[in-house]
Amino acid sequence: MRSTIGMKVLLTGILAIAMLVSGAAAKDDEIENMLPNPDFESATSGWSISGGFGILTISKEEDPIGGVGSAVFAEVINVGAENWEPEIHSPPFPLEQGKKYTYSFWAKAEPDSVRTLSPRFEQLDTWVGIGQDITVTDEWQEFHFTGVWTDPSSPPQVVIHIGFNKQLDDVWFSHFRVYEGDYVQEDIEGQQKISVTPMDRLATAWGQIKSR
């Protein structure tokens, strides 16, 4: 009798664990990355950096985060008079007014370098967007931002804009994600995770700044 009861308890425990694992997997599967070429599997197709200010190339020095695709190297050759000279633009994607969206990516700077970048959701043609400045060091870190898109729905489409803030330090990037809803952390072994959450003072109306 005791053996039968013990077996039932064991089977119940195994079933509960299986349901938890299945639920977690299902949650991850529900996240649809809206960004084309997010891991640079097609080299830098769809990605751009301001002409004459920088060059985007696939990195031969850094392994991609998560082991998929490639890391990309942003070499800054020159800076302009504005913080967005140079700027990186991702491939475009649509956003709908009133919905919550998250972008996330991994970045690192040159050895012994600490620098500020200004990533944003930015609507093409209007320059309107939301986001938050980040501080990048010489260690791979994940950065993310979540906000409600209050500007008109696409079109025009939206990009991830990354301004270099008139700094000459080079930067590596890897594993971008754009999806609807709150941030969902990935389990990527051996990598440092930094949570970057919206702050009213820093989540600026980017279009107002860029149009000045």
N, C-alpha and C. Protein backbone atom coordinates (compact mmCIF):
# COMPACT_ATOMS: atom_id res chain seq x y z
N MET A 1 0.83 -1.20 0.00
CA MET A 1 0.00 0.00 0.00
C MET A 1 0.86 1.25 0.00
N ARG A 2 1.88 1.24 0.93
CA ARG A 2 2.76 2.40 0.99
C ARG A 2 3.49 2.62 -0.32
N SER A 3 3.89 1.54 -0.96
CA SER A 3 4.60 1.64 -2.24
C SER A 3 3.72 2.27 -3.30
N THR A 4 2.44 1.89 -3.32
CA THR A 4 1.50 2.44 -4.29
C THR A 4 1.28 3.94 -4.06
N ILE A 5 1.11 4.32 -2.78
CA ILE A 5 0.92 5.73 -2.45
C ILE A 5 2.15 6.54 -2.82
N GLY A 6 3.33 5.98 -2.51
CA GLY A 6 4.57 6.69 -2.83
C GLY A 6 4.73 6.89 -4.33
N MET A 7 4.36 5.87 -5.09
CA MET A 7 4.44 5.98 -6.55
C MET A 7 3.50 7.04 -7.07
N LYS A 8 2.29 7.13 -6.50
CA LYS A 8 1.33 8.15 -6.93
C LYS A 8 1.85 9.55 -6.62
N VAL A 9 2.45 9.71 -5.45
CA VAL A 9 3.02 11.01 -5.08
C VAL A 9 4.14 11.38 -6.04
N LEU A 10 5.00 10.41 -6.36
CA LEU A 10 6.12 10.66 -7.28
C LEU A 10 5.61 11.06 -8.66
N LEU A 11 4.62 10.32 -9.16
CA LEU A 11 4.07 10.62 -10.48
C LEU A 11 3.41 12.00 -10.50
N THR A 12 2.72 12.34 -9.39
CA THR A 12 2.09 13.66 -9.31
C THR A 12 3.13 14.77 -9.35
N GLY A 13 4.25 14.55 -8.65
CA GLY A 13 5.33 15.54 -8.65
C GLY A 13 5.94 15.71 -10.02
N ILE A 14 6.17 14.59 -10.70
CA ILE A 14 6.74 14.64 -12.05
C ILE A 14 5.81 15.37 -13.00
N LEU A 15 4.51 15.09 -12.90
CA LEU A 15 3.52 15.75 -13.75
C LEU A 15 3.50 17.25 -13.51
N ALA A 16 3.60 17.66 -12.24
CA ALA A 16 3.58 19.09 -11.91
C ALA A 16 4.79 19.81 -12.50
N ILE A 17 5.97 19.17 -12.38
CA ILE A 17 7.20 19.76 -12.94
C ILE A 17 7.09 19.87 -14.45
N ALA A 18 6.56 18.83 -15.08
CA ALA A 18 6.41 18.84 -16.54
C ALA A 18 5.49 19.96 -16.99
N MET A 19 4.42 20.19 -16.21
CA MET A 19 3.48 21.27 -16.56
C MET A 19 4.14 22.63 -16.43
N LEU A 20 4.97 22.81 -15.39
CA LEU A 20 5.67 24.07 -15.21
C LEU A 20 6.64 24.34 -16.35
N VAL A 21 7.40 23.30 -16.72
CA VAL A 21 8.36 23.45 -17.82
C VAL A 21 7.64 23.74 -19.12
N SER A 22 6.53 23.02 -19.35
CA SER A 22 5.76 23.23 -20.57
C SER A 22 5.19 24.64 -20.62
N GLY A 23 4.73 25.13 -19.46
CA GLY A 23 4.18 26.47 -19.41
C GLY A 23 5.21 27.53 -19.70
N ALA A 24 6.43 27.34 -19.16
CA ALA A 24 7.51 28.30 -19.41
C ALA A 24 7.89 28.30 -20.87
N ALA A 25 7.96 27.11 -21.47
CA ALA A 25 8.31 27.03 -22.89
C ALA A 25 7.25 27.70 -23.74
N ALA A 26 5.98 27.49 -23.37
CA ALA A 26 4.90 28.10 -24.13
C ALA A 26 4.97 29.61 -24.06
N LYS A 27 5.35 30.13 -22.85
CA LYS A 27 5.45 31.58 -22.69
C LYS A 27 6.51 32.14 -23.63
N ASP A 28 7.67 31.45 -23.71
CA ASP A 28 8.73 31.91 -24.61
C ASP A 28 8.29 31.84 -26.06
N ASP A 29 7.53 30.78 -26.40
CA ASP A 29 7.10 30.60 -27.78
C ASP A 29 6.13 31.70 -28.21
N GLU A 30 5.44 32.31 -27.24
CA GLU A 30 4.46 33.34 -27.56
C GLU A 30 5.11 34.66 -27.97
N ILE A 31 6.39 34.82 -27.69
CA ILE A 31 7.09 36.06 -28.01
C ILE A 31 7.50 36.04 -29.48
N GLU A 32 6.91 36.92 -30.24
CA GLU A 32 7.22 37.02 -31.67
C GLU A 32 8.14 38.21 -31.90
N ASN A 33 9.35 37.94 -32.35
CA ASN A 33 10.30 39.01 -32.64
C ASN A 33 9.87 39.70 -33.92
N MET A 34 9.50 40.97 -33.81
CA MET A 34 9.00 41.73 -34.96
C MET A 34 10.11 42.31 -35.83
N LEU A 35 11.35 42.19 -35.37
CA LEU A 35 12.47 42.84 -36.04
C LEU A 35 13.11 41.92 -37.08
N PRO A 36 13.18 42.33 -38.34
CA PRO A 36 13.88 41.52 -39.35
C PRO A 36 15.39 41.48 -39.08
N ASN A 37 16.01 40.37 -39.38
CA ASN A 37 17.46 40.18 -39.26
C ASN A 37 17.98 40.62 -37.89
N PRO A 38 17.40 40.13 -36.81
CA PRO A 38 17.78 40.61 -35.48
C PRO A 38 19.12 40.08 -34.99
N ASP A 39 19.56 38.96 -35.55
CA ASP A 39 20.82 38.34 -35.12
C ASP A 39 21.89 38.39 -36.21
N PHE A 40 21.66 39.22 -37.22
CA PHE A 40 22.63 39.44 -38.30
C PHE A 40 23.00 38.13 -39.01
N GLU A 41 22.00 37.26 -39.14
CA GLU A 41 22.21 36.03 -39.91
C GLU A 41 22.35 36.33 -41.39
N SER A 42 21.79 37.46 -41.82
CA SER A 42 21.95 37.91 -43.21
C SER A 42 22.91 39.10 -43.26
N ALA A 43 24.03 38.95 -42.51
CA ALA A 43 25.02 40.02 -42.40
C ALA A 43 24.33 41.29 -41.89
N THR A 44 24.59 42.44 -42.49
CA THR A 44 23.99 43.70 -42.00
C THR A 44 22.81 44.13 -42.86
N SER A 45 22.21 43.20 -43.59
CA SER A 45 21.08 43.53 -44.45
C SER A 45 19.95 44.20 -43.66
N GLY A 46 19.52 45.39 -44.12
CA GLY A 46 18.46 46.13 -43.46
C GLY A 46 18.95 47.09 -42.40
N TRP A 47 20.18 46.94 -41.95
CA TRP A 47 20.77 47.82 -40.94
C TRP A 47 21.60 48.89 -41.62
N SER A 48 21.69 50.08 -40.99
CA SER A 48 22.47 51.17 -41.58
C SER A 48 23.09 52.03 -40.50
N ILE A 49 24.14 52.75 -40.87
CA ILE A 49 24.77 53.74 -40.00
C ILE A 49 25.01 54.98 -40.85
N SER A 50 24.95 56.14 -40.24
CA SER A 50 25.05 57.40 -40.98
C SER A 50 26.26 57.41 -41.91
N GLY A 51 26.01 57.69 -43.18
CA GLY A 51 27.06 57.71 -44.18
C GLY A 51 28.15 58.70 -43.85
N GLY A 52 29.40 58.28 -43.96
CA GLY A 52 30.53 59.15 -43.69
C GLY A 52 30.92 59.24 -42.23
N PHE A 53 30.08 58.70 -41.34
CA PHE A 53 30.37 58.77 -39.91
C PHE A 53 30.78 57.44 -39.31
N GLY A 54 30.36 56.33 -39.91
CA GLY A 54 30.67 55.04 -39.33
C GLY A 54 30.48 53.91 -40.32
N ILE A 55 30.91 52.71 -39.90
CA ILE A 55 30.82 51.52 -40.73
C ILE A 55 30.30 50.37 -39.87
N LEU A 56 29.36 49.60 -40.40
CA LEU A 56 28.86 48.39 -39.75
C LEU A 56 29.42 47.17 -40.45
N THR A 57 30.07 46.30 -39.72
CA THR A 57 30.61 45.07 -40.29
C THR A 57 30.35 43.90 -39.33
N ILE A 58 30.31 42.70 -39.89
CA ILE A 58 30.17 41.51 -39.06
C ILE A 58 31.48 41.30 -38.30
N SER A 59 31.39 41.11 -36.98
CA SER A 59 32.57 40.99 -36.15
C SER A 59 33.18 39.59 -36.24
N LYS A 60 34.49 39.55 -36.43
CA LYS A 60 35.22 38.27 -36.40
C LYS A 60 35.86 38.04 -35.04
N GLU A 61 35.74 39.04 -34.16
CA GLU A 61 36.37 38.95 -32.85
C GLU A 61 35.40 38.49 -31.76
N GLU A 62 34.12 38.74 -31.95
CA GLU A 62 33.15 38.46 -30.90
C GLU A 62 32.13 37.41 -31.36
N ASP A 63 31.84 36.47 -30.46
CA ASP A 63 30.81 35.48 -30.74
C ASP A 63 29.43 36.08 -30.48
N PRO A 64 28.43 35.67 -31.23
CA PRO A 64 27.08 36.23 -31.02
C PRO A 64 26.48 35.76 -29.71
N ILE A 65 25.70 36.61 -29.10
CA ILE A 65 24.98 36.24 -27.87
C ILE A 65 23.95 35.18 -28.21
N GLY A 66 23.96 34.11 -27.46
CA GLY A 66 23.02 33.03 -27.70
C GLY A 66 23.46 32.06 -28.77
N GLY A 67 24.59 32.32 -29.41
CA GLY A 67 25.15 31.39 -30.38
C GLY A 67 24.46 31.37 -31.72
N VAL A 68 23.63 32.36 -32.03
CA VAL A 68 22.90 32.40 -33.30
C VAL A 68 23.35 33.62 -34.10
N GLY A 69 23.56 33.44 -35.39
CA GLY A 69 23.92 34.56 -36.25
C GLY A 69 25.31 35.08 -35.99
N SER A 70 25.43 36.41 -35.85
CA SER A 70 26.72 37.06 -35.66
C SER A 70 26.57 38.26 -34.74
N ALA A 71 27.70 38.73 -34.24
CA ALA A 71 27.75 40.05 -33.60
C ALA A 71 28.17 41.04 -34.68
N VAL A 72 27.76 42.30 -34.51
CA VAL A 72 28.11 43.32 -35.49
C VAL A 72 29.00 44.36 -34.81
N PHE A 73 29.96 44.89 -35.58
CA PHE A 73 30.91 45.87 -35.08
C PHE A 73 30.59 47.23 -35.69
N ALA A 74 30.33 48.22 -34.83
CA ALA A 74 30.05 49.58 -35.28
C ALA A 74 31.30 50.41 -35.06
N GLU A 75 31.99 50.71 -36.15
CA GLU A 75 33.21 51.52 -36.09
C GLU A 75 32.85 52.98 -36.36
N VAL A 76 33.14 53.83 -35.40
CA VAL A 76 32.83 55.26 -35.53
C VAL A 76 34.05 55.96 -36.12
N ILE A 77 33.89 56.53 -37.31
CA ILE A 77 34.99 57.20 -38.00
C ILE A 77 35.02 58.69 -37.67
N ASN A 78 33.84 59.27 -37.56
CA ASN A 78 33.74 60.71 -37.35
C ASN A 78 32.42 61.01 -36.65
N VAL A 79 32.32 62.16 -36.00
CA VAL A 79 31.08 62.58 -35.38
C VAL A 79 30.67 63.93 -35.94
N GLY A 80 29.37 64.19 -35.90
CA GLY A 80 28.87 65.46 -36.41
C GLY A 80 28.51 66.41 -35.29
N ALA A 81 27.72 67.40 -35.62
CA ALA A 81 27.33 68.42 -34.65
C ALA A 81 26.18 67.98 -33.76
N GLU A 82 25.47 66.92 -34.17
CA GLU A 82 24.30 66.45 -33.43
C GLU A 82 24.57 65.08 -32.82
N ASN A 83 23.81 64.75 -31.76
CA ASN A 83 24.00 63.48 -31.08
C ASN A 83 23.71 62.27 -31.97
N TRP A 84 22.91 62.45 -33.02
CA TRP A 84 22.57 61.34 -33.91
C TRP A 84 23.51 61.26 -35.11
N GLU A 85 24.64 61.91 -35.04
CA GLU A 85 25.64 61.81 -36.11
C GLU A 85 26.93 61.23 -35.51
N PRO A 86 27.12 59.91 -35.63
CA PRO A 86 26.32 58.95 -36.39
C PRO A 86 25.15 58.37 -35.60
N GLU A 87 24.28 57.67 -36.32
CA GLU A 87 23.18 56.92 -35.73
C GLU A 87 23.02 55.61 -36.48
N ILE A 88 22.64 54.59 -35.75
CA ILE A 88 22.31 53.30 -36.35
C ILE A 88 20.80 53.21 -36.50
N HIS A 89 20.34 52.67 -37.62
CA HIS A 89 18.94 52.34 -37.81
C HIS A 89 18.80 50.85 -38.10
N SER A 90 17.87 50.22 -37.40
CA SER A 90 17.55 48.82 -37.65
C SER A 90 16.65 48.70 -38.87
N PRO A 91 16.39 47.48 -39.34
CA PRO A 91 15.33 47.30 -40.32
C PRO A 91 14.00 47.77 -39.74
N PRO A 92 13.07 48.27 -40.54
CA PRO A 92 11.81 48.82 -40.03
C PRO A 92 10.79 47.75 -39.69
N PHE A 93 9.86 48.13 -38.82
CA PHE A 93 8.78 47.25 -38.38
C PHE A 93 7.59 48.14 -37.99
N PRO A 94 6.36 47.61 -37.98
CA PRO A 94 5.19 48.43 -37.64
C PRO A 94 4.89 48.42 -36.15
N LEU A 95 4.41 49.56 -35.62
CA LEU A 95 3.89 49.64 -34.26
C LEU A 95 2.49 50.24 -34.30
N GLU A 96 1.65 49.83 -33.35
CA GLU A 96 0.29 50.31 -33.28
C GLU A 96 0.11 51.23 -32.08
N GLN A 97 -0.61 52.31 -32.29
CA GLN A 97 -0.85 53.29 -31.23
C GLN A 97 -1.58 52.65 -30.06
N GLY A 98 -1.11 53.00 -28.83
CA GLY A 98 -1.76 52.53 -27.62
C GLY A 98 -1.31 51.17 -27.12
N LYS A 99 -0.42 50.50 -27.85
CA LYS A 99 0.06 49.20 -27.44
C LYS A 99 1.45 49.32 -26.80
N LYS A 100 1.74 48.37 -25.89
CA LYS A 100 3.02 48.35 -25.20
C LYS A 100 4.02 47.49 -25.96
N TYR A 101 5.25 48.00 -26.12
CA TYR A 101 6.28 47.28 -26.85
C TYR A 101 7.60 47.30 -26.08
N THR A 102 8.42 46.31 -26.34
CA THR A 102 9.75 46.20 -25.73
C THR A 102 10.81 46.02 -26.80
N TYR A 103 11.92 46.73 -26.66
CA TYR A 103 13.11 46.38 -27.44
C TYR A 103 14.21 45.95 -26.47
N SER A 104 15.05 45.03 -26.90
CA SER A 104 16.20 44.62 -26.10
C SER A 104 17.34 44.27 -27.04
N PHE A 105 18.55 44.41 -26.54
CA PHE A 105 19.74 44.04 -27.31
C PHE A 105 20.93 43.96 -26.36
N TRP A 106 22.03 43.42 -26.88
CA TRP A 106 23.27 43.29 -26.12
C TRP A 106 24.32 44.20 -26.75
N ALA A 107 25.16 44.80 -25.90
CA ALA A 107 26.18 45.72 -26.41
C ALA A 107 27.40 45.70 -25.51
N LYS A 108 28.55 46.02 -26.10
CA LYS A 108 29.78 46.22 -25.34
C LYS A 108 30.65 47.23 -26.09
N ALA A 109 31.49 47.96 -25.35
CA ALA A 109 32.36 48.97 -25.93
C ALA A 109 33.79 48.46 -25.99
N GLU A 110 34.68 49.33 -26.45
CA GLU A 110 36.09 48.99 -26.54
C GLU A 110 36.67 48.75 -25.14
N PRO A 111 37.82 48.04 -25.05
CA PRO A 111 38.45 47.79 -23.75
C PRO A 111 38.67 49.09 -22.97
N ASP A 112 38.34 49.04 -21.69
CA ASP A 112 38.52 50.17 -20.76
C ASP A 112 37.68 51.39 -21.16
N SER A 113 36.63 51.18 -21.93
CA SER A 113 35.79 52.29 -22.37
C SER A 113 34.43 52.22 -21.69
N VAL A 114 33.92 53.40 -21.31
CA VAL A 114 32.56 53.55 -20.81
C VAL A 114 31.92 54.67 -21.61
N ARG A 115 30.79 54.39 -22.24
CA ARG A 115 30.19 55.40 -23.11
C ARG A 115 28.67 55.35 -23.04
N THR A 116 28.06 56.44 -23.47
CA THR A 116 26.60 56.56 -23.44
C THR A 116 26.04 56.44 -24.85
N LEU A 117 24.98 55.66 -25.00
CA LEU A 117 24.25 55.54 -26.26
C LEU A 117 22.80 55.93 -26.02
N SER A 118 22.13 56.33 -27.09
CA SER A 118 20.71 56.74 -26.95
C SER A 118 19.82 55.91 -27.86
N PRO A 119 19.48 54.68 -27.44
CA PRO A 119 18.54 53.88 -28.23
C PRO A 119 17.12 54.38 -28.07
N ARG A 120 16.34 54.26 -29.15
CA ARG A 120 14.95 54.71 -29.16
C ARG A 120 14.13 53.87 -30.15
N PHE A 121 12.84 53.75 -29.90
CA PHE A 121 11.90 53.48 -30.98
C PHE A 121 11.74 54.80 -31.73
N GLU A 122 11.98 54.80 -33.03
CA GLU A 122 11.85 56.05 -33.78
C GLU A 122 11.04 55.81 -35.05
N GLN A 123 10.00 56.61 -35.22
CA GLN A 123 9.16 56.49 -36.41
C GLN A 123 9.83 57.19 -37.59
N LEU A 124 9.94 56.49 -38.69
CA LEU A 124 10.56 57.06 -39.87
C LEU A 124 9.72 58.20 -40.42
N ASP A 125 10.38 59.16 -40.98
CA ASP A 125 9.77 60.35 -41.59
C ASP A 125 9.34 61.40 -40.57
N THR A 126 8.91 60.97 -39.38
CA THR A 126 8.45 61.94 -38.37
C THR A 126 9.47 62.15 -37.27
N TRP A 127 10.40 61.18 -37.09
CA TRP A 127 11.43 61.22 -36.04
C TRP A 127 10.84 61.14 -34.64
N VAL A 128 9.60 60.76 -34.50
CA VAL A 128 8.97 60.64 -33.19
C VAL A 128 9.32 59.30 -32.57
N GLY A 129 9.53 59.28 -31.25
CA GLY A 129 9.84 58.00 -30.63
C GLY A 129 10.00 58.08 -29.13
N ILE A 130 10.26 56.91 -28.52
CA ILE A 130 10.48 56.81 -27.08
C ILE A 130 11.64 55.87 -26.83
N GLY A 131 12.33 56.08 -25.70
CA GLY A 131 13.43 55.22 -25.34
C GLY A 131 14.16 55.77 -24.13
N GLN A 132 15.37 55.25 -23.89
CA GLN A 132 16.12 55.64 -22.71
C GLN A 132 17.61 55.49 -22.96
N ASP A 133 18.39 56.47 -22.52
CA ASP A 133 19.85 56.41 -22.67
C ASP A 133 20.41 55.25 -21.84
N ILE A 134 21.53 54.70 -22.29
CA ILE A 134 22.18 53.59 -21.61
C ILE A 134 23.67 53.86 -21.48
N THR A 135 24.31 53.21 -20.54
CA THR A 135 25.76 53.29 -20.36
C THR A 135 26.37 51.93 -20.69
N VAL A 136 27.25 51.91 -21.66
CA VAL A 136 27.86 50.68 -22.15
C VAL A 136 29.30 50.60 -21.67
N THR A 137 29.71 49.43 -21.18
CA THR A 137 31.08 49.20 -20.74
C THR A 137 31.75 48.20 -21.67
N ASP A 138 32.94 47.74 -21.30
CA ASP A 138 33.66 46.79 -22.13
C ASP A 138 33.27 45.33 -21.85
N GLU A 139 32.15 45.12 -21.16
CA GLU A 139 31.60 43.79 -20.94
C GLU A 139 30.24 43.69 -21.61
N TRP A 140 29.95 42.54 -22.21
CA TRP A 140 28.63 42.34 -22.81
C TRP A 140 27.55 42.51 -21.74
N GLN A 141 26.55 43.31 -22.04
CA GLN A 141 25.40 43.50 -21.15
C GLN A 141 24.14 43.60 -22.00
N GLU A 142 23.02 43.18 -21.41
CA GLU A 142 21.74 43.32 -22.08
C GLU A 142 21.07 44.62 -21.62
N PHE A 143 20.47 45.31 -22.58
CA PHE A 143 19.73 46.53 -22.30
C PHE A 143 18.33 46.42 -22.90
N HIS A 144 17.34 46.94 -22.19
CA HIS A 144 15.99 46.87 -22.75
C HIS A 144 15.15 48.04 -22.27
N PHE A 145 14.11 48.31 -23.02
CA PHE A 145 13.17 49.40 -22.71
C PHE A 145 11.77 48.95 -23.08
N THR A 146 10.82 49.28 -22.22
CA THR A 146 9.41 48.99 -22.48
C THR A 146 8.60 50.28 -22.36
N GLY A 147 7.75 50.54 -23.32
CA GLY A 147 6.92 51.74 -23.28
C GLY A 147 5.68 51.58 -24.13
N VAL A 148 4.70 52.44 -23.88
CA VAL A 148 3.47 52.44 -24.66
C VAL A 148 3.64 53.40 -25.83
N TRP A 149 3.38 52.89 -27.03
CA TRP A 149 3.51 53.71 -28.24
C TRP A 149 2.28 54.61 -28.35
N THR A 150 2.48 55.92 -28.16
CA THR A 150 1.37 56.87 -28.16
C THR A 150 1.29 57.68 -29.44
N ASP A 151 2.20 57.43 -30.36
CA ASP A 151 2.20 58.14 -31.63
C ASP A 151 1.36 57.37 -32.64
N PRO A 152 1.04 57.98 -33.79
CA PRO A 152 0.19 57.30 -34.77
C PRO A 152 0.74 55.93 -35.18
N SER A 153 -0.19 55.03 -35.48
CA SER A 153 0.22 53.70 -35.93
C SER A 153 0.95 53.78 -37.25
N SER A 154 1.79 52.77 -37.51
CA SER A 154 2.49 52.69 -38.78
C SER A 154 1.48 52.39 -39.90
N PRO A 155 1.72 52.92 -41.16
CA PRO A 155 2.93 53.63 -41.57
C PRO A 155 2.92 55.09 -41.16
N PRO A 156 4.10 55.77 -41.17
CA PRO A 156 5.38 55.17 -41.52
C PRO A 156 5.83 54.16 -40.47
N GLN A 157 6.74 53.28 -40.88
CA GLN A 157 7.21 52.25 -39.96
C GLN A 157 8.22 52.82 -38.96
N VAL A 158 8.60 51.97 -38.04
CA VAL A 158 9.47 52.37 -36.92
C VAL A 158 10.77 51.57 -37.01
N VAL A 159 11.86 52.18 -36.50
CA VAL A 159 13.14 51.51 -36.41
C VAL A 159 13.65 51.60 -34.98
N ILE A 160 14.63 50.77 -34.64
CA ILE A 160 15.44 51.04 -33.45
C ILE A 160 16.52 52.01 -33.88
N HIS A 161 16.48 53.19 -33.31
CA HIS A 161 17.50 54.20 -33.55
C HIS A 161 18.50 54.14 -32.40
N ILE A 162 19.80 54.16 -32.71
CA ILE A 162 20.84 54.23 -31.68
C ILE A 162 21.76 55.39 -32.01
N GLY A 163 21.70 56.45 -31.21
CA GLY A 163 22.58 57.60 -31.38
C GLY A 163 23.86 57.41 -30.60
N PHE A 164 24.96 57.89 -31.17
CA PHE A 164 26.27 57.70 -30.55
C PHE A 164 26.74 58.89 -29.72
N ASN A 165 25.92 59.94 -29.66
CA ASN A 165 26.17 61.06 -28.75
C ASN A 165 27.55 61.69 -28.91
N LYS A 166 27.97 61.82 -30.15
CA LYS A 166 29.21 62.52 -30.48
C LYS A 166 30.45 61.93 -29.80
N GLN A 167 30.44 60.59 -29.63
CA GLN A 167 31.58 59.90 -29.04
C GLN A 167 32.22 58.98 -30.09
N LEU A 168 33.53 58.87 -30.04
CA LEU A 168 34.26 58.14 -31.08
C LEU A 168 34.48 56.66 -30.74
N ASP A 169 34.17 56.22 -29.53
CA ASP A 169 34.41 54.83 -29.17
C ASP A 169 33.57 53.89 -30.02
N ASP A 170 34.18 52.78 -30.43
CA ASP A 170 33.47 51.77 -31.21
C ASP A 170 32.65 50.87 -30.29
N VAL A 171 31.64 50.20 -30.87
CA VAL A 171 30.72 49.37 -30.08
C VAL A 171 30.37 48.10 -30.84
N TRP A 172 30.21 47.01 -30.12
CA TRP A 172 29.70 45.76 -30.67
C TRP A 172 28.24 45.59 -30.24
N PHE A 173 27.43 45.00 -31.13
CA PHE A 173 26.02 44.73 -30.82
C PHE A 173 25.68 43.29 -31.19
N SER A 174 24.68 42.74 -30.49
CA SER A 174 24.24 41.38 -30.79
C SER A 174 22.83 41.15 -30.27
N HIS A 175 22.10 40.27 -30.93
CA HIS A 175 20.83 39.70 -30.48
C HIS A 175 19.80 40.76 -30.10
N PHE A 176 19.21 41.37 -31.10
CA PHE A 176 18.13 42.35 -30.90
C PHE A 176 16.78 41.66 -30.85
N ARG A 177 15.87 42.20 -30.05
CA ARG A 177 14.49 41.72 -30.02
C ARG A 177 13.53 42.91 -29.97
N VAL A 178 12.42 42.82 -30.67
CA VAL A 178 11.32 43.78 -30.59
C VAL A 178 10.03 42.97 -30.52
N TYR A 179 9.22 43.21 -29.50
CA TYR A 179 7.99 42.43 -29.37
C TYR A 179 6.97 43.21 -28.56
N GLU A 180 5.72 42.78 -28.68
CA GLU A 180 4.64 43.43 -27.94
C GLU A 180 4.61 42.93 -26.50
N GLY A 181 4.40 43.88 -25.56
CA GLY A 181 4.27 43.49 -24.16
C GLY A 181 5.49 43.84 -23.33
N ASP A 182 5.46 43.37 -22.07
CA ASP A 182 6.53 43.64 -21.13
C ASP A 182 7.79 42.82 -21.46
N TYR A 183 8.89 43.26 -20.88
CA TYR A 183 10.17 42.57 -21.08
C TYR A 183 10.11 41.16 -20.54
N VAL A 184 10.65 40.21 -21.29
CA VAL A 184 10.77 38.82 -20.88
C VAL A 184 12.25 38.45 -20.93
N GLN A 185 12.78 38.08 -19.79
CA GLN A 185 14.21 37.75 -19.70
C GLN A 185 14.48 36.37 -20.29
N GLU A 186 15.57 36.28 -21.05
CA GLU A 186 16.01 35.01 -21.60
C GLU A 186 17.08 34.40 -20.71
N ASP A 187 17.17 33.10 -20.73
CA ASP A 187 18.20 32.41 -19.97
C ASP A 187 19.38 32.14 -20.91
N ILE A 188 20.31 33.09 -20.95
CA ILE A 188 21.49 32.94 -21.80
C ILE A 188 22.69 32.73 -20.89
N GLU A 189 23.23 31.54 -20.92
CA GLU A 189 24.26 31.12 -19.97
C GLU A 189 25.52 31.98 -20.07
N GLY A 190 26.03 32.38 -18.91
CA GLY A 190 27.31 33.06 -18.84
C GLY A 190 27.29 34.52 -19.21
N GLN A 191 26.10 35.12 -19.35
CA GLN A 191 26.03 36.52 -19.76
C GLN A 191 25.39 37.36 -18.66
N GLN A 192 25.91 38.57 -18.48
CA GLN A 192 25.38 39.50 -17.49
C GLN A 192 24.10 40.13 -17.99
N LYS A 193 23.12 40.25 -17.09
CA LYS A 193 21.83 40.82 -17.48
C LYS A 193 21.62 42.13 -16.72
N ILE A 194 21.28 43.19 -17.44
CA ILE A 194 21.00 44.48 -16.81
C ILE A 194 19.57 44.87 -17.17
N SER A 195 18.78 45.21 -16.16
CA SER A 195 17.40 45.59 -16.39
C SER A 195 17.31 47.10 -16.55
N VAL A 196 16.86 47.55 -17.69
CA VAL A 196 16.68 48.97 -17.95
C VAL A 196 15.19 49.23 -18.11
N THR A 197 14.61 49.96 -17.17
CA THR A 197 13.17 50.18 -17.18
C THR A 197 12.85 51.63 -17.46
N PRO A 198 11.64 51.91 -17.95
CA PRO A 198 11.29 53.29 -18.30
C PRO A 198 11.34 54.22 -17.10
N MET A 199 11.83 55.44 -17.33
CA MET A 199 11.83 56.51 -16.33
C MET A 199 11.32 57.76 -17.02
N ASP A 200 10.36 58.44 -16.40
CA ASP A 200 9.70 59.55 -17.07
C ASP A 200 10.68 60.63 -17.53
N ARG A 201 11.71 60.92 -16.74
CA ARG A 201 12.63 61.98 -17.11
C ARG A 201 13.49 61.58 -18.30
N LEU A 202 13.80 60.28 -18.42
CA LEU A 202 14.71 59.83 -19.46
C LEU A 202 13.99 59.31 -20.69
N ALA A 203 12.76 58.85 -20.53
CA ALA A 203 12.00 58.35 -21.67
C ALA A 203 11.43 59.56 -22.42
N THR A 204 12.29 60.24 -23.13
CA THR A 204 11.94 61.53 -23.72
C THR A 204 11.20 61.37 -25.02
N ALA A 205 10.51 62.44 -25.39
CA ALA A 205 9.90 62.50 -26.72
C ALA A 205 11.01 62.81 -27.72
N TRP A 206 11.54 61.76 -28.30
CA TRP A 206 12.75 61.87 -29.12
C TRP A 206 12.55 62.79 -30.30
N GLY A 207 11.35 62.82 -30.86
CA GLY A 207 11.11 63.68 -32.01
C GLY A 207 11.31 65.15 -31.69
N GLN A 208 10.95 65.53 -30.47
CA GLN A 208 11.12 66.94 -30.08
C GLN A 208 12.57 67.32 -30.03
N ILE A 209 13.44 66.39 -29.59
CA ILE A 209 14.87 66.68 -29.50
C ILE A 209 15.49 66.70 -30.89
N LYS A 210 15.17 65.72 -31.68
CA LYS A 210 15.86 65.56 -32.97
C LYS A 210 15.47 66.65 -33.96
N SER A 211 14.28 67.22 -33.82
CA SER A 211 13.83 68.22 -34.79
C SER A 211 14.34 69.61 -34.47
N ARG A 212 15.03 69.77 -33.35
CA ARG A 212 15.55 71.11 -33.01
C ARG A 212 16.74 71.48 -33.87
